[in-house]
Protein backbone atom coordinates (compact mmCIF):
# COMPACT_ATOMS: atom_id res chain seq x y z
CA UNK A 1 0.19 -0.14 0.27
CA UNK A 2 2.93 2.57 0.74
CA UNK A 3 4.42 1.70 -2.93
CA UNK A 4 0.99 2.29 -4.60
CA UNK A 5 0.69 5.94 -2.14
CA UNK A 6 4.59 6.61 -3.72
CA UNK A 7 3.59 6.07 -6.83
CA UNK A 8 0.26 7.91 -7.01
CA UNK A 9 2.76 10.48 -5.18
CA UNK A 10 4.88 10.29 -8.36
CA UNK A 11 1.64 11.01 -10.84
CA UNK A 12 2.05 14.19 -12.78
CA UNK A 13 -1.28 15.93 -12.52
CA UNK A 14 -2.60 17.45 -16.20
CA UNK A 15 -4.73 20.68 -15.07
CA UNK A 16 -7.91 20.11 -17.17
CA UNK A 17 -8.41 22.95 -19.98
CA UNK A 18 -10.99 25.60 -19.12
CA UNK A 19 -14.30 24.25 -19.92
CA UNK A 20 -17.54 27.09 -20.31
CA UNK A 21 -20.97 26.06 -18.44
CA UNK A 22 -22.09 23.79 -16.04
CA UNK A 23 -19.51 21.00 -17.54
CA UNK A 24 -16.45 23.52 -17.26
CA UNK A 25 -17.35 24.31 -13.65
CA UNK A 26 -17.59 20.25 -12.21
CA UNK A 27 -14.13 19.44 -13.91
CA UNK A 28 -12.78 21.96 -12.22
CA UNK A 29 -13.87 21.21 -9.31
CA UNK A 30 -12.78 17.58 -9.75
CA UNK A 31 -9.52 18.32 -11.02
CA UNK A 32 -9.45 20.46 -7.40
CA UNK A 33 -10.95 17.39 -5.23
CA UNK A 34 -8.10 15.01 -7.27
CA UNK A 35 -5.13 17.72 -6.66
CA UNK A 36 -6.03 17.61 -2.77
CA UNK A 37 -6.39 13.87 -2.77
CA UNK A 38 -2.86 13.09 -4.09
CA UNK A 39 -1.60 15.61 -2.00
CA UNK A 40 -2.99 13.51 1.13
CA UNK A 41 -1.45 10.38 -0.42
CA UNK A 42 1.75 12.04 -0.57
CA UNK A 43 1.89 12.98 3.17
CA UNK A 44 0.29 9.24 3.86
CA UNK A 45 3.30 8.21 2.35
CA UNK A 46 5.53 10.24 3.71
CA UNK A 47 3.93 9.47 7.26
CA UNK A 48 4.56 5.29 6.68
CA UNK A 49 7.74 6.21 5.79
CA UNK A 50 8.80 8.13 9.24
CA UNK A 51 6.93 5.25 10.77
CA UNK A 52 8.75 2.58 9.29
CA UNK A 53 12.01 4.48 10.01
CA UNK A 54 10.97 4.47 14.00
CA UNK A 55 9.71 1.12 13.87
CA UNK A 56 13.43 0.43 12.51
CA UNK A 57 14.95 2.53 15.27
CA UNK A 58 12.38 0.39 17.78
CA UNK A 59 14.09 -2.46 16.26
CA UNK A 60 17.79 -1.32 16.89
CA UNK A 61 17.03 0.12 20.64
CA UNK A 62 15.81 -3.59 21.20
CA UNK A 63 18.38 -5.20 19.92
CA UNK A 64 20.76 -2.80 22.03
CA UNK A 65 18.45 -3.38 25.17
CA UNK A 66 18.81 -7.47 24.79
CA UNK A 67 22.79 -6.68 24.36
CA UNK A 68 23.33 -4.65 27.15
CA UNK A 69 20.70 -7.20 29.41
CA UNK A 70 23.13 -9.92 28.17
CA UNK A 71 26.14 -8.23 29.00
CA UNK A 72 24.26 -7.01 32.20
CA UNK A 73 24.05 -10.85 33.35
CA UNK A 74 27.57 -11.64 32.55
CA UNK A 75 28.30 -8.74 34.65
CA UNK A 76 26.69 -9.20 37.37
CA UNK A 77 27.96 -12.17 37.44
CA UNK A 78 31.66 -10.40 38.55
CA UNK A 79 31.36 -6.91 37.84
CA UNK A 80 29.31 -5.02 40.06
CA UNK A 81 30.54 -1.58 38.94
CA UNK A 82 29.33 -2.44 35.35
CA UNK A 83 26.35 -3.97 36.28
CA UNK A 84 25.14 -0.62 38.00
CA UNK A 85 27.04 1.34 34.70
CA UNK A 86 24.80 -0.93 32.37
CA UNK A 87 21.47 -0.52 34.58
CA UNK A 88 21.88 2.97 34.16
CA UNK A 89 22.88 2.67 30.58
CA UNK A 90 19.51 0.22 30.53
CA UNK A 91 17.59 2.97 32.07
CA UNK A 92 18.69 5.51 29.34
CA UNK A 93 17.66 3.50 26.64
CA UNK A 94 14.26 2.93 28.11
CA UNK A 95 13.76 6.58 28.72
CA UNK A 96 14.31 6.95 24.40
CA UNK A 97 12.52 3.74 23.94
CA UNK A 98 9.34 5.41 25.70
CA UNK A 99 10.20 8.67 23.97
CA UNK A 100 10.62 6.76 20.38
CA UNK A 101 7.38 4.69 21.13
CA UNK A 102 5.45 7.82 22.04
CA UNK A 103 6.43 9.85 19.14
CA UNK A 104 5.89 6.03 16.93
CA UNK A 105 2.15 6.04 18.34
CA UNK A 106 1.56 9.95 17.85
CA UNK A 107 2.69 8.83 13.91
CA UNK A 108 0.24 6.27 14.28
CA UNK A 109 -2.29 8.47 15.21
CA UNK A 110 -1.92 10.95 12.52
CA UNK A 111 -1.77 7.91 9.95
CA UNK A 112 -5.46 7.00 10.99
CA UNK A 113 -6.23 11.33 10.69
CA UNK A 114 -4.53 11.18 6.94
CA UNK A 115 -6.15 7.72 6.18
CA UNK A 116 -9.80 9.16 7.62
CA UNK A 117 -8.88 11.89 5.50
CA UNK A 118 -7.61 10.16 2.33
CA UNK A 119 -11.34 7.97 2.70
CA UNK A 120 -13.56 11.28 2.62
CA UNK A 121 -11.50 12.44 -0.22
CA UNK A 122 -11.96 9.58 -2.44
CA UNK A 123 -15.60 9.85 -1.35
CA UNK A 124 -16.30 13.62 -2.88
CA UNK A 125 -13.71 12.72 -5.89
CA UNK A 126 -16.52 9.68 -6.29
CA UNK A 127 -19.38 12.14 -5.82
CA UNK A 128 -17.92 14.16 -7.86
CA UNK A 129 -17.69 12.08 -10.57
CA UNK A 130 -20.94 10.60 -10.29
CA UNK A 131 -22.07 13.90 -10.76
CA UNK A 132 -19.40 14.94 -13.91
CA UNK A 133 -21.06 11.96 -15.63
CA UNK A 134 -24.34 13.41 -14.49
CA UNK A 135 -23.69 16.45 -16.47
CA UNK A 136 -21.84 14.81 -19.27
CA UNK A 137 -25.33 13.12 -19.94
CA UNK A 138 -26.70 16.17 -19.29
CA UNK A 139 -25.02 18.33 -21.65
CA UNK A 140 -25.20 15.36 -24.53
CA UNK A 141 -28.97 15.20 -24.03
CA UNK A 142 -28.93 19.26 -24.56
CA UNK A 143 -26.75 18.91 -27.69
CA UNK A 144 -29.14 16.38 -29.22
CA UNK A 145 -32.28 19.11 -28.29
CA UNK A 146 -30.29 21.50 -29.61
CA UNK A 147 -29.91 19.35 -32.91
CA UNK A 148 -33.68 18.09 -33.15
CA UNK A 149 -34.81 22.09 -32.68
CA UNK A 150 -32.49 23.03 -35.42
CA UNK A 151 -33.78 20.36 -37.04
CA UNK A 152 -37.11 21.77 -36.44
CA UNK A 153 -36.12 25.12 -37.36
CA UNK A 154 -35.30 24.21 -40.26
CA UNK A 155 -38.17 22.52 -41.28
CA UNK A 156 -40.25 25.16 -40.50
CA UNK A 157 -37.94 27.43 -42.21
CA UNK A 158 -38.61 25.45 -44.97
CA UNK A 159 -42.42 25.27 -44.60
CA UNK A 160 -42.65 29.06 -44.02
CA UNK A 161 -40.94 30.01 -47.19
CA UNK A 162 -42.91 27.36 -49.15
CA UNK A 163 -46.34 29.09 -47.54
CA UNK A 164 -44.54 32.53 -48.74
CA UNK A 165 -44.18 31.44 -51.88
CA UNK A 166 -47.60 30.26 -52.27
CA UNK A 167 -48.95 33.38 -50.36
CA UNK A 168 -47.35 35.52 -53.08
CA UNK A 169 -48.39 33.11 -55.92
CA UNK A 170 -52.04 33.58 -54.35
CA UNK A 171 -50.98 37.43 -54.23
CA UNK A 172 -50.12 37.48 -57.93
CA UNK A 173 -53.64 35.39 -59.13
CA UNK A 174 -55.75 37.64 -56.57
CA UNK A 175 -54.27 40.54 -58.41
CA UNK A 176 -54.81 39.02 -61.79
CA UNK A 177 -58.09 38.55 -61.05
CA UNK A 178 -58.78 41.85 -59.80
CA UNK A 179 -57.07 43.46 -63.17
CA UNK A 180 -59.57 41.47 -64.88
CA UNK A 181 -62.67 42.15 -62.73
CA UNK A 182 -61.86 45.96 -62.61
CA UNK A 183 -61.76 45.36 -66.61
CA UNK A 184 -65.02 43.77 -67.38
CA UNK A 185 -66.47 46.10 -64.43
CA UNK A 186 -65.04 49.22 -66.98
CA UNK A 187 -66.45 47.59 -69.98
CA UNK A 188 -70.18 46.77 -68.94
CA UNK A 189 -69.96 50.49 -67.61
CA UNK A 190 -68.29 52.07 -71.25
CA UNK A 191 -71.24 49.74 -72.43
CA UNK A 192 -73.96 51.33 -70.29
CA UNK A 193 -72.51 54.88 -71.12
CA UNK A 194 -70.15 57.26 -69.85
CA UNK A 195 -72.75 59.59 -68.90
CA UNK A 196 -75.77 58.70 -67.77
CA UNK A 197 -79.08 59.59 -66.27
CA UNK A 198 -80.82 58.17 -63.15
CA UNK A 199 -84.83 60.02 -62.40
CA UNK A 200 -86.04 59.59 -59.24
CA UNK A 201 -89.54 60.40 -57.70
CA UNK A 202 -89.75 61.33 -54.44
CA UNK A 203 -92.60 60.03 -52.84
CA UNK A 204 -95.32 62.43 -51.28
CA UNK A 205 -94.78 63.66 -47.95
CA UNK A 206 -97.50 63.09 -44.82
CA UNK A 207 -97.62 66.87 -44.96
CA UNK A 208 -98.49 67.81 -47.82
CA UNK A 209 -102.42 67.61 -49.13
CA UNK A 210 -101.77 69.28 -52.40
CA UNK A 211 -102.87 67.65 -55.87
CA UNK A 212 -100.30 64.83 -57.01
CA UNK A 213 -98.64 65.38 -60.41
CA UNK A 214 -99.73 62.44 -63.00
CA UNK A 215 -96.57 60.39 -63.49
CA UNK A 216 -96.20 56.99 -65.60
CA UNK A 217 -93.28 54.31 -65.33
CA UNK A 218 -92.48 52.47 -68.08
CA UNK A 219 -89.56 50.74 -67.39
CA UNK A 220 -87.20 52.79 -68.76
CA UNK A 221 -89.59 55.72 -69.82
CA UNK A 222 -91.26 58.06 -67.94
CA UNK A 223 -94.83 60.29 -69.23
CA UNK A 224 -95.84 62.69 -67.38
CA UNK A 225 -99.78 64.44 -67.81
CA UNK A 226 -100.69 67.49 -67.06
CA UNK A 227 -104.21 68.95 -66.20
CA UNK A 228 -107.14 68.22 -68.24
CA UNK A 229 -107.94 70.90 -70.38
CA UNK A 230 -111.17 71.43 -72.18
CA UNK A 231 -110.82 72.72 -75.71
CA UNK A 232 -112.12 75.84 -77.49
CA UNK A 233 -115.60 74.45 -77.97
CA UNK A 234 -116.08 73.27 -74.36
CA UNK A 235 -117.00 70.02 -75.33
CA UNK A 236 -114.30 67.95 -74.48
CA UNK A 237 -111.05 67.59 -72.34
CA UNK A 238 -107.62 67.31 -73.53
CA UNK A 239 -104.53 66.26 -71.42
CA UNK A 240 -101.14 67.04 -72.67
CA UNK A 241 -98.22 64.71 -71.71
CA UNK A 242 -94.76 64.38 -72.20
CA UNK A 243 -92.44 61.31 -72.50
CA UNK A 244 -88.30 61.15 -71.68
CA UNK A 245 -86.21 58.24 -71.17
CA UNK A 246 -83.26 57.85 -68.46
CA UNK A 247 -81.39 54.97 -68.15
CA UNK A 248 -82.97 54.05 -64.72
CA UNK A 249 -86.17 55.26 -63.19
CA UNK A 250 -87.02 54.94 -59.38
CA UNK A 251 -90.88 55.09 -58.02
CA UNK A 252 -91.15 56.69 -55.23
CA UNK A 253 -91.13 53.68 -53.29
CA UNK A 254 -87.62 52.70 -54.09
CA UNK A 255 -85.08 52.26 -51.17
CA UNK A 256 -81.53 53.95 -50.52
CA UNK A 257 -80.12 50.41 -50.75
CA UNK A 258 -81.52 50.17 -54.21
CA UNK A 259 -80.50 53.25 -55.44
CA UNK A 260 -76.80 52.93 -54.34
CA UNK A 261 -76.99 49.67 -55.84
CA UNK A 262 -77.41 51.20 -59.35
CA UNK A 263 -74.07 53.27 -59.08
CA UNK A 264 -71.77 50.74 -57.17
CA UNK A 265 -70.31 50.28 -60.07
CA UNK A 266 -69.11 53.79 -60.21
CA UNK A 267 -67.35 53.65 -57.10
CA UNK A 268 -65.36 50.98 -58.29
CA UNK A 269 -63.96 52.86 -60.96
CA UNK A 270 -62.97 55.16 -58.86
CA UNK A 271 -61.11 53.06 -57.21
CA UNK A 272 -59.33 51.84 -60.57
CA UNK A 273 -58.33 54.96 -61.35
CA UNK A 274 -61.27 57.03 -63.01
CA UNK A 275 -62.61 60.28 -62.38
CA UNK A 276 -66.45 59.93 -61.13
CA UNK A 277 -68.80 63.00 -61.01
CA UNK A 278 -72.73 62.29 -59.38
CA UNK A 279 -74.71 65.31 -59.20
CA UNK A 280 -78.27 65.68 -57.69
CA UNK A 281 -79.81 67.88 -60.04
CA UNK A 282 -84.29 68.91 -59.61
CA UNK A 283 -85.72 71.91 -58.06
CA UNK A 284 -85.65 72.42 -54.75
CA UNK A 285 -87.39 70.18 -52.26
CA UNK A 286 -87.28 67.39 -54.97
CA UNK A 287 -84.97 65.12 -52.56
CA UNK A 288 -81.68 65.63 -53.62
CA UNK A 289 -79.84 66.50 -50.32
CA UNK A 290 -81.80 63.32 -49.06
CA UNK A 291 -80.91 61.30 -52.31
CA UNK A 292 -77.02 61.98 -51.36
CA UNK A 293 -76.56 62.03 -47.66
CA UNK A 294 -79.87 61.19 -46.30
CA UNK A 295 -81.69 62.15 -43.49
CA UNK A 296 -78.14 62.76 -41.61
CA UNK A 297 -74.87 62.48 -42.46
CA UNK A 298 -74.34 59.30 -40.35
CA UNK A 299 -74.01 55.90 -41.93
CA UNK A 300 -77.04 54.84 -39.17
CA UNK A 301 -80.60 55.40 -40.51
CA UNK A 302 -81.08 55.05 -43.87
CA UNK A 303 -78.11 56.39 -45.39
CA UNK A 304 -77.44 57.94 -48.90
CA UNK A 305 -75.71 57.57 -51.75
CA UNK A 306 -72.46 59.46 -49.79
CA UNK A 307 -72.12 57.64 -46.75
CA UNK A 308 -72.85 54.00 -48.81
CA UNK A 309 -70.16 55.25 -50.92
CA UNK A 310 -67.68 55.86 -47.85
CA UNK A 311 -68.78 52.77 -46.47
CA UNK A 312 -67.80 50.42 -49.13
CA UNK A 313 -64.83 52.77 -50.21
CA UNK A 314 -62.87 51.97 -47.22
CA UNK A 315 -64.47 48.46 -47.40
CA UNK A 316 -62.76 47.55 -50.88
CA UNK A 317 -59.32 49.51 -49.72
CA UNK A 318 -59.06 46.82 -46.98
CA UNK A 319 -59.47 43.96 -49.43
CA UNK A 320 -57.45 45.22 -51.68
CA UNK A 321 -54.44 46.15 -49.27
CA UNK A 322 -54.75 41.95 -49.03
CA UNK A 323 -54.19 41.63 -52.49
CA UNK A 324 -50.89 43.82 -52.43
CA UNK A 325 -52.44 47.44 -52.89
CA UNK A 326 -51.59 50.62 -50.71
CA UNK A 327 -54.41 53.46 -50.82
CA UNK A 328 -54.92 56.98 -49.95
CA UNK A 329 -57.87 58.51 -49.66
CA UNK A 330 -58.52 62.54 -49.32
CA UNK A 331 -61.32 64.71 -49.12
CA UNK A 332 -62.06 68.00 -49.89
CA UNK A 333 -65.97 69.58 -49.18
CA UNK A 334 -66.59 72.90 -50.58
CA UNK A 335 -69.41 74.93 -51.41
CA UNK A 336 -70.02 77.49 -54.11
CA UNK A 337 -72.23 80.26 -52.30
CA UNK A 338 -73.18 83.54 -54.70
CA UNK A 339 -70.25 82.63 -57.14
CA UNK A 340 -67.89 82.04 -54.11
CA UNK A 341 -65.90 78.77 -53.42
CA UNK A 342 -65.87 78.38 -49.29
CA UNK A 343 -63.88 75.91 -48.30
CA UNK A 344 -66.66 73.80 -45.66
CA UNK A 345 -63.49 72.07 -43.61
CA UNK A 346 -60.83 74.61 -43.19
CA UNK A 347 -59.95 75.24 -39.77
CA UNK A 348 -61.85 78.52 -38.50
CA UNK A 349 -65.15 77.82 -39.84
CA UNK A 350 -64.32 79.93 -43.05
CA UNK A 351 -68.02 80.60 -44.06
CA UNK A 352 -69.00 82.88 -47.12
CA UNK A 353 -69.63 85.99 -45.46
CA UNK A 354 -66.55 86.98 -44.83
CA UNK A 355 -66.39 87.07 -48.94
CA UNK A 356 -63.01 84.54 -48.83
CA UNK A 357 -62.92 82.30 -51.62
CA UNK A 358 -60.69 79.51 -52.37
CA UNK A 359 -60.20 77.79 -56.03
CA UNK A 360 -58.67 75.15 -54.33
CA UNK A 361 -60.36 73.70 -51.33
CA UNK A 362 -58.19 71.88 -48.57
CA UNK A 363 -57.58 68.49 -49.03
CA UNK A 364 -58.00 66.20 -45.38
CA UNK A 365 -55.92 62.44 -45.24
CA UNK A 366 -58.74 60.23 -44.05
CA UNK A 367 -58.11 57.08 -42.84
CA UNK A 368 -61.82 55.20 -42.09
CA UNK A 369 -65.00 55.81 -42.19
CA UNK A 370 -65.79 58.15 -38.96
CA UNK A 371 -63.51 60.41 -39.80
CA UNK A 372 -65.15 60.83 -43.01
CA UNK A 373 -68.69 61.27 -41.14
CA UNK A 374 -66.91 64.09 -38.89
CA UNK A 375 -66.01 66.08 -41.67
CA UNK A 376 -69.61 65.29 -43.22
CA UNK A 377 -71.05 67.08 -40.38
CA UNK A 378 -68.81 69.60 -39.86
CA UNK A 379 -69.59 70.62 -43.74
CA UNK A 380 -73.55 70.17 -42.93
CA UNK A 381 -73.05 72.60 -40.26
CA UNK A 382 -71.53 75.45 -42.40
CA UNK A 383 -73.27 74.86 -45.28
CA UNK A 384 -75.79 77.60 -46.23
CA UNK A 385 -78.85 77.17 -46.10
CA UNK A 386 -82.21 78.70 -45.42
CA UNK A 387 -86.50 78.84 -45.25
CA UNK A 388 -88.11 79.66 -48.55
CA UNK A 389 -91.74 79.42 -49.65
CA UNK A 390 -91.26 76.69 -51.75
CA UNK A 391 -88.85 74.47 -49.01
CA UNK A 392 -88.32 74.89 -45.16
CA UNK A 393 -84.65 74.18 -45.03
CA UNK A 394 -83.19 74.70 -48.88
CA UNK A 395 -79.85 74.11 -49.61
CA UNK A 396 -78.70 78.09 -50.75
CA UNK A 397 -75.26 77.02 -52.36
CA UNK A 398 -73.68 73.82 -54.53
CA UNK A 399 -72.14 71.88 -52.25
CA UNK A 400 -69.34 69.60 -53.99
CA UNK A 401 -67.46 66.50 -51.88
CA UNK A 402 -64.77 65.24 -53.92
CA UNK A 403 -62.52 61.99 -52.88
CA UNK A 404 -59.45 61.66 -54.38
CA UNK A 405 -58.16 58.11 -54.41
CA UNK A 406 -54.53 56.85 -55.03
CA UNK A 407 -53.58 53.58 -55.03
CA UNK A 408 -50.09 51.71 -55.32
CA UNK A 409 -50.03 47.85 -56.45
CA UNK A 410 -46.72 46.29 -54.84
CA UNK A 411 -47.28 42.79 -56.08
CA UNK A 412 -43.84 42.00 -58.31
CA UNK A 413 -44.20 42.36 -61.52
CA UNK A 414 -47.86 44.43 -61.43
CA UNK A 415 -46.27 47.42 -59.67
CA UNK A 416 -48.28 50.67 -60.78
CA UNK A 417 -49.91 53.83 -59.13
CA UNK A 418 -53.41 54.61 -60.01
CA UNK A 419 -55.05 58.22 -59.05
CA UNK A 420 -58.96 58.23 -59.09
CA UNK A 421 -61.30 60.81 -58.29
CA UNK A 422 -64.95 61.03 -57.11
CA UNK A 423 -67.46 63.67 -56.79
CA UNK A 424 -70.15 63.85 -55.41
CA UNK A 425 -72.33 67.97 -56.25
CA UNK A 426 -75.55 68.55 -54.03
CA UNK A 427 -76.90 71.13 -56.60
CA UNK A 428 -79.38 74.14 -55.37
CA UNK A 429 -82.36 73.60 -56.52
CA UNK A 430 -83.59 75.33 -59.12
CA UNK A 431 -86.06 78.25 -58.40
CA UNK A 432 -88.91 80.39 -60.60
CA UNK A 433 -88.77 84.17 -59.06
CA UNK A 434 -91.72 84.23 -59.90
CA UNK A 435 -93.31 81.70 -57.57
CA UNK A 436 -91.03 82.08 -54.60
CA UNK A 437 -91.55 85.75 -54.58
CA UNK A 438 -87.55 85.76 -53.21
CA UNK A 439 -86.56 89.58 -51.96
CA UNK A 440 -83.27 90.70 -50.52
CA UNK A 441 -80.93 88.39 -50.25
CA UNK A 442 -82.79 85.03 -51.04
CA UNK A 443 -83.13 86.76 -54.21
CA UNK A 444 -79.96 87.00 -54.69
CA UNK A 445 -78.91 83.31 -53.87
CA UNK A 446 -81.86 82.60 -56.15
CA UNK A 447 -80.15 84.16 -59.23
CA UNK A 448 -76.54 83.00 -58.81
CA UNK A 449 -77.98 79.42 -58.03
CA UNK A 450 -79.95 79.69 -61.43
CA UNK A 451 -77.14 81.47 -63.29
CA UNK A 452 -74.53 78.85 -62.27
CA UNK A 453 -76.67 76.09 -63.07
CA UNK A 454 -77.16 77.78 -66.56
CA UNK A 455 -73.02 77.54 -66.87
CA UNK A 456 -73.32 73.95 -65.59
CA UNK A 457 -75.76 73.00 -68.34
CA UNK A 458 -73.41 74.91 -70.75
CA UNK A 459 -70.40 72.46 -69.97
CA UNK A 460 -72.55 69.71 -70.44
CA UNK A 461 -73.74 70.69 -73.66
CA UNK A 462 -70.39 71.56 -75.09
CA UNK A 463 -68.71 68.17 -74.06
CA UNK A 464 -71.41 66.35 -75.44
CA UNK A 465 -70.88 68.14 -78.93
CA UNK A 466 -67.04 67.75 -78.62
CA UNK A 467 -67.47 64.46 -77.65
CA UNK A 468 -70.05 63.30 -81.12
CA UNK A 469 -66.92 65.20 -83.02
CA UNK A 470 -63.76 63.83 -83.98
CA UNK A 471 -60.22 65.35 -84.82
CA UNK A 472 -59.65 69.33 -85.35
CA UNK A 473 -63.50 69.83 -85.43
CA UNK A 474 -63.94 68.23 -81.93
CA UNK A 475 -60.23 70.15 -80.39
CA UNK A 476 -62.42 73.42 -82.14
CA UNK A 477 -65.12 73.11 -79.55
CA UNK A 478 -64.77 75.28 -76.40
CA UNK A 479 -66.18 73.70 -72.87
CA UNK A 480 -66.91 77.37 -71.11
CA UNK A 481 -65.62 75.64 -67.76
CA UNK A 482 -64.68 79.55 -66.62
CA UNK A 483 -68.50 81.03 -67.01
CA UNK A 484 -68.92 80.05 -62.96
CA UNK A 485 -67.02 78.63 -60.12
CA UNK A 486 -69.33 75.62 -59.78
CA UNK A 487 -68.26 74.59 -63.44
CA UNK A 488 -64.39 75.45 -62.43
CA UNK A 489 -64.80 72.82 -59.66
CA UNK A 490 -65.76 70.20 -61.53
CA UNK A 491 -63.09 70.55 -64.36
CA UNK A 492 -61.47 67.60 -63.10
CA UNK A 493 -64.53 65.56 -62.88
CA UNK A 494 -66.54 66.63 -66.17
CA UNK A 495 -65.15 66.01 -69.41
CA UNK A 496 -64.61 63.21 -72.36
CA UNK A 497 -61.77 61.29 -70.05
CA UNK A 498 -64.60 60.70 -67.21
CA UNK A 499 -67.71 58.94 -66.42
CA UNK A 500 -70.66 61.36 -64.37
CA UNK A 501 -74.09 60.27 -63.36
CA UNK A 502 -76.73 62.66 -62.63
CA UNK A 503 -80.08 62.20 -60.33
CA UNK A 504 -82.61 63.81 -61.51
CA UNK A 505 -85.05 64.51 -58.56
CA UNK A 506 -88.84 65.31 -59.10
CA UNK A 507 -91.44 66.89 -56.84
CA UNK A 508 -94.78 64.57 -57.07
CA UNK A 509 -96.80 67.97 -56.97
CA UNK A 510 -98.82 69.38 -59.11
CA UNK A 511 -97.82 72.76 -58.48
CA UNK A 512 -94.32 71.71 -59.25
CA UNK A 513 -95.46 71.00 -63.01
CA UNK A 514 -93.00 73.72 -64.56
CA UNK A 515 -89.88 73.17 -62.58
CA UNK A 516 -90.43 68.88 -63.04
CA UNK A 517 -90.79 69.69 -66.95
CA UNK A 518 -87.82 72.13 -67.13
CA UNK A 519 -85.58 69.51 -65.01
CA UNK A 520 -86.88 66.90 -67.07
CA UNK A 521 -86.30 68.24 -70.43
CA UNK A 522 -82.26 69.54 -69.00
CA UNK A 523 -81.84 65.47 -67.65
CA UNK A 524 -83.15 64.20 -71.19
CA UNK A 525 -80.73 66.72 -72.86
CA UNK A 526 -77.72 65.38 -70.69
CA UNK A 527 -79.03 61.43 -71.29
CA UNK A 528 -78.96 62.14 -74.90
CA UNK A 529 -75.38 63.33 -74.70
CA UNK A 530 -72.77 61.20 -76.17
CA UNK A 531 -69.28 61.84 -75.20
CA UNK A 532 -65.66 59.82 -76.09
CA UNK A 533 -64.28 57.05 -74.17
CA UNK A 534 -63.31 57.45 -70.44
CA UNK A 535 -59.48 57.20 -69.14
CA UNK A 536 -57.88 55.74 -66.64
CA UNK A 537 -55.34 58.04 -64.90
CA UNK A 538 -52.14 56.82 -63.68
CA UNK A 539 -49.39 58.04 -61.89
CA UNK A 540 -46.20 58.66 -63.52
CA UNK A 541 -47.86 59.84 -66.84
CA UNK A 542 -49.33 56.33 -67.90
CA UNK A 543 -52.98 56.07 -69.30
CA UNK A 544 -54.96 53.47 -70.12
CA UNK A 545 -58.23 54.32 -72.51
CA UNK A 546 -61.11 51.73 -71.63
């Protein structure tokens, strides 16, 4: 065992390399424990060596003692003096032997203590080795887990790439389908005509007790009958009638949803990059504002064309966003009051009474339908209305609400930008001064209203003449946009490259027959117009004819 201790003491312990993490900590602890164990073994070997030397000393002392005893026996027999000397030497040797025995006992105790310490260090070493094996096993499991996780991540990455490629293919297919749908939509509208006229018959209100005018609707033809009159002899009665053809006629019981359904394709055309104008024309009290806005500017109870359009636009914008399109919607709202263009949503609440006139109203970026409704409420508060003999709440100005729609397609291979414009024009009602007996400010307003309506009629007539001609003859036709602030505001919405829809609103009362016929004649004249093909407006100067 001493030889094993010495051989272990001669082993050269190599310090392990530094490791990281838990395994490195355990390896360092194991190395330190091994160093302490080997040091204990060396101390044990040294103690055993000293013990061996003490035992040899003891044996030598015993031999000397035995020799001295023999000499004592010999001396006892004949040499008393020498015996006494030997006794003294024996006592000294006995004292030395006792000291050696005490030292040997102490060495044995120290050796036992070192042996127990070595056993404890061996137990700790074995425990550390067990823990090191556990750490190595755990490290192996973690490496396997990381390897499996990396494999799963690689599989997931491949699946994500495949899904992304599939999504891009689906997006491209949806974009192509959208383009095809847009083409079909605009072809349908082109077949119907780029300028159309709808006639809407207002129902008689509960508080109206006047006689109703006799109207007859047959598909797309409206016949108006006058009051029966006797002939010159007085023996028979004759009734005059007037017939008008329109693209669609809405009966008094037609709902707002039915009206909007007929114009929804025009809203889609504006998103496709076309310029679209929707006008409400008719005498005061015929239901123009109701058709446009409904009973209020909100989208709650029976909304009109404009609130429904706002809902449809933002719904389509969200859908197109999933197909790779990004749209920006801007709104401007103005009124033409006494030939002044008044911005209805400008800061500070600008009104026509100040004399301020802005040819280009402020455009506001609109994020959602609620923001648009808020602007509509503000514009409605700022618009000029007044009570007249013909209508308790009569609009005294022309309201022009425009939505600029700028879209950008980000689908690879199909990048392009489109710029559409959707204009809603709630025209003030035409009035006969002889019937309304207007005076003062109402008279001035009525004169400006009638004058601007005449200018609008001249512009539409000129556009129709220009559309019927070709080449230099068409270029020679002058369109008098500058004759009125109203037509100047609508110069980007009216023309041969736009799509126009007019609502001719008709009162059901017999006493309004003259204004009804005037409205229907003007609307029929517009319906007979034939203008050129509308053009799609693409940003960066690209245009595609439809």
